[in-house]
Amino acid sequence: MRRIAIWRHGRTSWNAEHRFQGQSDIELDDEGHRQARRAAAMLASMSPSRIVSSDLKRTRQTAAPLAELTGLPVDSDERLRETYAGKWEGMTRDEIKAQYGEALERWPVDPFMQTGMTGETRLEVALRTAAAIDEAVHTVPPGGLLVVVTHGGAARAAMGQLMGLPPEHWASLGVLTNCAWSVLLENGPPGPPWRLQEYNAGSLPEPIPVDGVWPADDR
């Protein structure tokens, strides 16, 4: 079974200020670089087969320590970018709430609403990110791990689409922490092709039963 680790980028100054980044090309701050180095050391121990990343600076900078540790190249794909947020890009949450309060309340649960009034819908983001991930994972050998370095909103939309969740339920996946990752496990029929193994992780998992069967070294 293949696995996908969907990894959110490290912190930026706009994250610290609670600004909606969207596709604005913001770099990691010092804390974000520290987070990326720490997370990379753990993800490297999972023996990834391939790394793909959004082409924005904050994701490429997050991917760099993992590439250095594993010797793998980082393949960029602009389809893994964050949601284009229209008029909301660069605004703080308080500013958005003050000017667009009703729209902000509706946005998390309406996958067909344009983000920031003139931006992308969650469904549009889900379709492009899931397509990029699906293409990349099929270049990974059976049993391999694809690491996808992307953004919080893009990651949630992609996971919802890959797991076959109804779009109106994607908001039930919680907000991803900077530099945390989630793991999808390839699923056999019947059912959707991917299932959630870990969510918003920041440490390596403890061995657990898989469908009621313990891994061989834990029997």
C-alpha atoms as a PDB file:
ATOM      1  CA  MET A   1       0.000   0.000   0.000  1.00  0.00           C
ATOM      2  CA  ARG A   2       1.297   3.441  -0.914  1.00  0.00           C
ATOM      3  CA  ARG A   3       1.118   6.314   1.548  1.00  0.00           C
ATOM      4  CA  ILE A   4       0.847  10.070   1.105  1.00  0.00           C
ATOM      5  CA  ALA A   5       2.194  12.476   3.747  1.00  0.00           C
ATOM      6  CA  ILE A   6       0.542  15.846   3.177  1.00  0.00           C
ATOM      7  CA  TRP A   7       2.768  18.377   4.947  1.00  0.00           C
ATOM      8  CA  ARG A   8       1.856  21.985   5.668  1.00  0.00           C
ATOM      9  CA  HIS A   9       4.627  24.567   5.379  1.00  0.00           C
ATOM     10  CA  GLY A  10       6.337  26.148   8.387  1.00  0.00           C
ATOM     11  CA  ARG A  11       5.380  29.448   9.960  1.00  0.00           C
ATOM     12  CA  THR A  12       5.676  32.781   8.175  1.00  0.00           C
ATOM     13  CA  SER A  13       5.402  36.296   9.558  1.00  0.00           C
ATOM     14  CA  TRP A  14       1.902  36.474   8.052  1.00  0.00           C
ATOM     15  CA  ASN A  15       0.914  33.316   9.920  1.00  0.00           C
ATOM     16  CA  ALA A  16       2.117  34.941  13.132  1.00  0.00           C
ATOM     17  CA  GLU A  17       0.026  38.033  12.314  1.00  0.00           C
ATOM     18  CA  HIS A  18      -3.026  35.923  11.374  1.00  0.00           C
ATOM     19  CA  ARG A  19      -3.062  37.260   7.809  1.00  0.00           C
ATOM     20  CA  PHE A  20      -4.715  35.366   4.971  1.00  0.00           C
ATOM     21  CA  GLN A  21      -1.765  34.471   2.728  1.00  0.00           C
ATOM     22  CA  GLY A  22      -3.489  32.790  -0.179  1.00  0.00           C
ATOM     23  CA  GLN A  23      -1.096  32.751  -3.112  1.00  0.00           C
ATOM     24  CA  SER A  24       0.978  35.718  -1.880  1.00  0.00           C
ATOM     25  CA  ASP A  25       4.576  34.491  -1.969  1.00  0.00           C
ATOM     26  CA  ILE A  26       5.667  34.877   1.662  1.00  0.00           C
ATOM     27  CA  GLU A  27       8.875  33.313   3.024  1.00  0.00           C
ATOM     28  CA  LEU A  28       9.288  31.335   6.245  1.00  0.00           C
ATOM     29  CA  ASP A  29      10.296  33.253   9.344  1.00  0.00           C
ATOM     30  CA  ASP A  30      13.011  31.981  11.716  1.00  0.00           C
ATOM     31  CA  GLU A  31      10.518  29.839  13.620  1.00  0.00           C
ATOM     32  CA  GLY A  32       9.245  28.379  10.354  1.00  0.00           C
ATOM     33  CA  HIS A  33      12.756  27.308   9.350  1.00  0.00           C
ATOM     34  CA  ARG A  34      13.226  25.687  12.777  1.00  0.00           C
ATOM     35  CA  GLN A  35       9.915  23.861  12.432  1.00  0.00           C
ATOM     36  CA  ALA A  36      10.887  22.612   8.966  1.00  0.00           C
ATOM     37  CA  ARG A  37      14.209  21.200  10.184  1.00  0.00           C
ATOM     38  CA  ARG A  38      12.547  19.403  13.092  1.00  0.00           C
ATOM     39  CA  ALA A  39       9.762  17.931  10.970  1.00  0.00           C
ATOM     40  CA  ALA A  40      12.159  16.934   8.186  1.00  0.00           C
ATOM     41  CA  ALA A  41      14.190  14.797  10.588  1.00  0.00           C
ATOM     42  CA  MET A  42      11.072  12.783  11.446  1.00  0.00           C
ATOM     43  CA  LEU A  43       9.717  12.540   7.917  1.00  0.00           C
ATOM     44  CA  ALA A  44      13.127  11.392   6.643  1.00  0.00           C
ATOM     45  CA  SER A  45      12.925   8.417   9.023  1.00  0.00           C
ATOM     46  CA  MET A  46       9.758   7.331   7.165  1.00  0.00           C
ATOM     47  CA  SER A  47      11.900   6.756   4.020  1.00  0.00           C
ATOM     48  CA  PRO A  48      10.002   8.845   1.464  1.00  0.00           C
ATOM     49  CA  SER A  49      10.177   7.819  -2.178  1.00  0.00           C
ATOM     50  CA  ARG A  50       9.409  11.210  -3.716  1.00  0.00           C
ATOM     51  CA  ILE A  51       8.855  14.844  -2.668  1.00  0.00           C
ATOM     52  CA  VAL A  52       6.513  17.208  -4.503  1.00  0.00           C
ATOM     53  CA  SER A  53       5.858  20.784  -3.448  1.00  0.00           C
ATOM     54  CA  SER A  54       3.855  23.863  -4.229  1.00  0.00           C
ATOM     55  CA  ASP A  55       6.039  26.324  -6.122  1.00  0.00           C
ATOM     56  CA  LEU A  56       5.623  29.091  -3.526  1.00  0.00           C
ATOM     57  CA  LYS A  57       8.633  30.058  -1.394  1.00  0.00           C
ATOM     58  CA  ARG A  58       7.264  28.962   1.972  1.00  0.00           C
ATOM     59  CA  THR A  59       6.669  25.393   0.776  1.00  0.00           C
ATOM     60  CA  ARG A  60       9.935  25.081  -1.126  1.00  0.00           C
ATOM     61  CA  GLN A  61      11.825  26.353   1.940  1.00  0.00           C
ATOM     62  CA  THR A  62       9.957  23.799   4.093  1.00  0.00           C
ATOM     63  CA  ALA A  63      10.838  20.967   1.699  1.00  0.00           C
ATOM     64  CA  ALA A  64      14.544  21.876   1.504  1.00  0.00           C
ATOM     65  CA  PRO A  65      15.719  20.222   4.782  1.00  0.00           C
ATOM     66  CA  LEU A  66      13.925  16.995   3.860  1.00  0.00           C
ATOM     67  CA  ALA A  67      15.550  17.000   0.433  1.00  0.00           C
ATOM     68  CA  GLU A  68      18.945  17.509   2.054  1.00  0.00           C
ATOM     69  CA  LEU A  69      18.425  14.624   4.494  1.00  0.00           C
ATOM     70  CA  THR A  70      17.058  12.162   1.932  1.00  0.00           C
ATOM     71  CA  GLY A  71      18.969  13.162  -1.202  1.00  0.00           C
ATOM     72  CA  LEU A  72      15.657  13.373  -3.080  1.00  0.00           C
ATOM     73  CA  PRO A  73      14.886  16.229  -5.487  1.00  0.00           C
ATOM     74  CA  VAL A  74      11.875  18.453  -4.847  1.00  0.00           C
ATOM     75  CA  ASP A  75       9.485  18.556  -7.813  1.00  0.00           C
ATOM     76  CA  SER A  76       7.403  21.750  -7.914  1.00  0.00           C
ATOM     77  CA  ASP A  77       3.775  21.833  -9.053  1.00  0.00           C
ATOM     78  CA  GLU A  78       1.822  25.086  -9.053  1.00  0.00           C
ATOM     79  CA  ARG A  79      -1.418  23.104  -8.671  1.00  0.00           C
ATOM     80  CA  LEU A  80      -0.407  22.547  -5.032  1.00  0.00           C
ATOM     81  CA  ARG A  81      -0.611  26.268  -4.248  1.00  0.00           C
ATOM     82  CA  GLU A  82      -2.883  27.639  -1.569  1.00  0.00           C
ATOM     83  CA  THR A  83      -6.336  28.965  -2.410  1.00  0.00           C
ATOM     84  CA  TYR A  84      -6.309  32.235  -4.332  1.00  0.00           C
ATOM     85  CA  ALA A  85      -8.105  34.402  -1.772  1.00  0.00           C
ATOM     86  CA  GLY A  86      -9.116  37.431  -3.826  1.00  0.00           C
ATOM     87  CA  LYS A  87      -9.770  40.538  -1.740  1.00  0.00           C
ATOM     88  CA  TRP A  88      -8.862  38.743   1.499  1.00  0.00           C
ATOM     89  CA  GLU A  89      -5.181  38.203   0.690  1.00  0.00           C
ATOM     90  CA  GLY A  90      -2.993  40.109   3.116  1.00  0.00           C
ATOM     91  CA  MET A  91      -5.891  40.949   5.453  1.00  0.00           C
ATOM     92  CA  THR A  92      -5.971  39.825   9.076  1.00  0.00           C
ATOM     93  CA  ARG A  93      -8.850  37.696  10.303  1.00  0.00           C
ATOM     94  CA  ASP A  94     -10.166  40.626  12.351  1.00  0.00           C
ATOM     95  CA  GLU A  95     -10.109  42.868   9.271  1.00  0.00           C
ATOM     96  CA  ILE A  96     -11.950  40.268   7.191  1.00  0.00           C
ATOM     97  CA  LYS A  97     -14.512  39.763   9.962  1.00  0.00           C
ATOM     98  CA  ALA A  98     -15.125  43.501  10.210  1.00  0.00           C
ATOM     99  CA  GLN A  99     -15.608  43.994   6.456  1.00  0.00           C
ATOM    100  CA  TYR A 100     -16.950  40.638   5.288  1.00  0.00           C
ATOM    101  CA  GLY A 101     -18.368  39.067   8.441  1.00  0.00           C
ATOM    102  CA  GLU A 102     -21.318  37.247   6.876  1.00  0.00           C
ATOM    103  CA  ALA A 103     -19.185  35.856   4.039  1.00  0.00           C
ATOM    104  CA  LEU A 104     -16.486  34.736   6.487  1.00  0.00           C
ATOM    105  CA  GLU A 105     -19.052  32.757   8.506  1.00  0.00           C
ATOM    106  CA  ARG A 106     -20.355  31.025   5.367  1.00  0.00           C
ATOM    107  CA  TRP A 107     -16.979  30.348   3.757  1.00  0.00           C
ATOM    108  CA  PRO A 108     -15.847  27.301   5.840  1.00  0.00           C
ATOM    109  CA  VAL A 109     -18.999  25.308   5.030  1.00  0.00           C
ATOM    110  CA  ASP A 110     -19.722  26.459   1.462  1.00  0.00           C
ATOM    111  CA  PRO A 111     -17.341  24.749  -1.015  1.00  0.00           C
ATOM    112  CA  PHE A 112     -18.870  26.682  -3.909  1.00  0.00           C
ATOM    113  CA  MET A 113     -18.273  30.174  -2.493  1.00  0.00           C
ATOM    114  CA  GLN A 114     -15.506  32.279  -4.008  1.00  0.00           C
ATOM    115  CA  THR A 115     -12.846  32.921  -1.358  1.00  0.00           C
ATOM    116  CA  GLY A 116     -12.424  36.628  -0.732  1.00  0.00           C
ATOM    117  CA  MET A 117     -15.365  37.363  -3.035  1.00  0.00           C
ATOM    118  CA  THR A 118     -13.229  37.155  -6.210  1.00  0.00           C
ATOM    119  CA  GLY A 119     -10.978  34.144  -5.537  1.00  0.00           C
ATOM    120  CA  GLU A 120     -11.205  30.377  -5.917  1.00  0.00           C
ATOM    121  CA  THR A 121     -13.834  28.090  -4.484  1.00  0.00           C
ATOM    122  CA  ARG A 122     -12.804  25.205  -2.233  1.00  0.00           C
ATOM    123  CA  LEU A 123     -14.036  22.782  -4.875  1.00  0.00           C
ATOM    124  CA  GLU A 124     -11.744  24.319  -7.501  1.00  0.00           C
ATOM    125  CA  VAL A 125      -8.811  24.029  -5.100  1.00  0.00           C
ATOM    126  CA  ALA A 126      -9.710  20.427  -4.281  1.00  0.00           C
ATOM    127  CA  LEU A 127      -9.869  19.361  -7.921  1.00  0.00           C
ATOM    128  CA  ARG A 128      -6.486  20.837  -8.882  1.00  0.00           C
ATOM    129  CA  THR A 129      -4.608  19.687  -5.779  1.00  0.00           C
ATOM    130  CA  ALA A 130      -6.071  16.180  -5.816  1.00  0.00           C
ATOM    131  CA  ALA A 131      -5.220  15.823  -9.507  1.00  0.00           C
ATOM    132  CA  ALA A 132      -1.593  16.820  -8.852  1.00  0.00           C
ATOM    133  CA  ILE A 133      -1.287  14.396  -5.926  1.00  0.00           C
ATOM    134  CA  ASP A 134      -2.940  11.551  -7.832  1.00  0.00           C
ATOM    135  CA  GLU A 135      -0.508  11.959 -10.715  1.00  0.00           C
ATOM    136  CA  ALA A 136       2.504  12.085  -8.402  1.00  0.00           C
ATOM    137  CA  VAL A 137       1.551   9.114  -6.223  1.00  0.00           C
ATOM    138  CA  HIS A 138       1.282   6.831  -9.227  1.00  0.00           C
ATOM    139  CA  THR A 139       4.998   7.382  -9.853  1.00  0.00           C
ATOM    140  CA  VAL A 140       5.752   5.979  -6.381  1.00  0.00           C
ATOM    141  CA  PRO A 141       6.370   2.211  -6.096  1.00  0.00           C
ATOM    142  CA  PRO A 142       4.001  -0.018  -4.096  1.00  0.00           C
ATOM    143  CA  GLY A 143       4.768   0.437  -0.420  1.00  0.00           C
ATOM    144  CA  GLY A 144       6.347   3.830  -1.090  1.00  0.00           C
ATOM    145  CA  LEU A 145       5.688   7.197   0.528  1.00  0.00           C
ATOM    146  CA  LEU A 146       4.931  10.413  -1.355  1.00  0.00           C
ATOM    147  CA  VAL A 147       5.557  13.620   0.624  1.00  0.00           C
ATOM    148  CA  VAL A 148       3.424  16.534  -0.568  1.00  0.00           C
ATOM    149  CA  VAL A 149       4.464  19.959   0.743  1.00  0.00           C
ATOM    150  CA  THR A 150       1.527  22.324   0.477  1.00  0.00           C
ATOM    151  CA  HIS A 151      -0.688  24.748   2.415  1.00  0.00           C
ATOM    152  CA  GLY A 152      -3.360  24.451   5.097  1.00  0.00           C
ATOM    153  CA  GLY A 153      -6.491  25.130   3.058  1.00  0.00           C
ATOM    154  CA  ALA A 154      -5.193  23.304   0.003  1.00  0.00           C
ATOM    155  CA  ALA A 155      -4.288  20.270   2.124  1.00  0.00           C
ATOM    156  CA  ARG A 156      -7.746  19.986   3.684  1.00  0.00           C
ATOM    157  CA  ALA A 157      -9.498  20.350   0.335  1.00  0.00           C
ATOM    158  CA  ALA A 158      -7.219  17.776  -1.288  1.00  0.00           C
ATOM    159  CA  MET A 159      -7.723  15.248   1.517  1.00  0.00           C
ATOM    160  CA  GLY A 160     -11.481  15.663   1.425  1.00  0.00           C
ATOM    161  CA  GLN A 161     -11.487  15.040  -2.311  1.00  0.00           C
ATOM    162  CA  LEU A 162      -9.090  12.078  -2.179  1.00  0.00           C
ATOM    163  CA  MET A 163     -11.083  10.402   0.593  1.00  0.00           C
ATOM    164  CA  GLY A 164     -14.387  10.940  -1.179  1.00  0.00           C
ATOM    165  CA  LEU A 165     -15.919  13.092   1.556  1.00  0.00           C
ATOM    166  CA  PRO A 166     -18.890  15.268   0.558  1.00  0.00           C
ATOM    167  CA  PRO A 167     -17.585  18.825  -0.038  1.00  0.00           C
ATOM    168  CA  GLU A 168     -19.874  20.281   2.619  1.00  0.00           C
ATOM    169  CA  HIS A 169     -18.120  18.061   5.202  1.00  0.00           C
ATOM    170  CA  TRP A 170     -14.532  19.088   4.419  1.00  0.00           C
ATOM    171  CA  ALA A 171     -14.642  21.675   7.196  1.00  0.00           C
ATOM    172  CA  SER A 172     -14.917  18.805   9.698  1.00  0.00           C
ATOM    173  CA  LEU A 173     -11.181  18.310   9.145  1.00  0.00           C
ATOM    174  CA  GLY A 174      -9.561  20.659  11.641  1.00  0.00           C
ATOM    175  CA  VAL A 175      -7.145  23.474  10.872  1.00  0.00           C
ATOM    176  CA  LEU A 176      -3.636  22.157  10.207  1.00  0.00           C
ATOM    177  CA  THR A 177      -0.800  23.400  12.396  1.00  0.00           C
ATOM    178  CA  ASN A 178       2.251  24.930  10.729  1.00  0.00           C
ATOM    179  CA  CYS A 179       4.642  22.146   9.699  1.00  0.00           C
ATOM    180  CA  ALA A 180       2.292  19.338  10.781  1.00  0.00           C
ATOM    181  CA  TRP A 181       1.430  16.540   8.367  1.00  0.00           C
ATOM    182  CA  SER A 182      -1.347  14.073   7.700  1.00  0.00           C
ATOM    183  CA  VAL A 183      -0.970  10.576   6.243  1.00  0.00           C
ATOM    184  CA  LEU A 184      -3.321   8.911   3.777  1.00  0.00           C
ATOM    185  CA  LEU A 185      -3.139   5.159   3.246  1.00  0.00           C
ATOM    186  CA  GLU A 186      -4.001   3.508  -0.047  1.00  0.00           C
ATOM    187  CA  ASN A 187      -7.320   1.727   0.294  1.00  0.00           C
ATOM    188  CA  GLY A 188      -8.522  -1.340  -1.546  1.00  0.00           C
ATOM    189  CA  PRO A 189     -12.054  -1.624  -2.932  1.00  0.00           C
ATOM    190  CA  PRO A 190     -14.793  -1.191  -1.991  1.00  0.00           C
ATOM    191  CA  GLY A 191     -14.773   2.444  -0.913  1.00  0.00           C
ATOM    192  CA  PRO A 192     -12.689   5.495  -1.791  1.00  0.00           C
ATOM    193  CA  PRO A 193      -9.067   4.955  -2.858  1.00  0.00           C
ATOM    194  CA  TRP A 194      -7.576   6.695   0.194  1.00  0.00           C
ATOM    195  CA  ARG A 195      -8.258   6.627   3.930  1.00  0.00           C
ATOM    196  CA  LEU A 196      -6.925   8.793   6.735  1.00  0.00           C
ATOM    197  CA  GLN A 197      -4.229   7.177   8.881  1.00  0.00           C
ATOM    198  CA  GLU A 198      -2.925  10.244  10.761  1.00  0.00           C
ATOM    199  CA  TYR A 199      -4.084  13.857  10.979  1.00  0.00           C
ATOM    200  CA  ASN A 200      -2.236  16.999  12.050  1.00  0.00           C
ATOM    201  CA  ALA A 201       0.720  14.944  13.284  1.00  0.00           C
ATOM    202  CA  GLY A 202       3.925  16.387  14.683  1.00  0.00           C
ATOM    203  CA  SER A 203       5.549  13.211  15.914  1.00  0.00           C
ATOM    204  CA  LEU A 204       6.077   9.689  14.625  1.00  0.00           C
ATOM    205  CA  PRO A 205       3.171   7.319  15.232  1.00  0.00           C
ATOM    206  CA  GLU A 206       3.203   4.446  17.690  1.00  0.00           C
ATOM    207  CA  PRO A 207       2.550   1.008  16.161  1.00  0.00           C
ATOM    208  CA  ILE A 208      -1.181   0.280  16.100  1.00  0.00           C
ATOM    209  CA  PRO A 209      -3.314  -2.571  14.761  1.00  0.00           C
ATOM    210  CA  VAL A 210      -4.093  -2.308  11.044  1.00  0.00           C
ATOM    211  CA  ASP A 211      -7.585  -3.726  10.443  1.00  0.00           C
ATOM    212  CA  GLY A 212      -7.203  -5.756  13.635  1.00  0.00           C
ATOM    213  CA  VAL A 213      -3.799  -7.224  12.788  1.00  0.00           C
ATOM    214  CA  TRP A 214      -0.668  -6.105  14.626  1.00  0.00           C
ATOM    215  CA  PRO A 215       2.529  -5.502  12.661  1.00  0.00           C
ATOM    216  CA  ALA A 216       4.759  -8.588  12.780  1.00  0.00           C
ATOM    217  CA  ASP A 217       7.288  -7.102  15.215  1.00  0.00           C
ATOM    218  CA  ASP A 218       4.538  -6.267  17.744  1.00  0.00           C
ATOM    219  CA  ARG A 219       2.668  -9.559  17.932  1.00  0.00           C
END
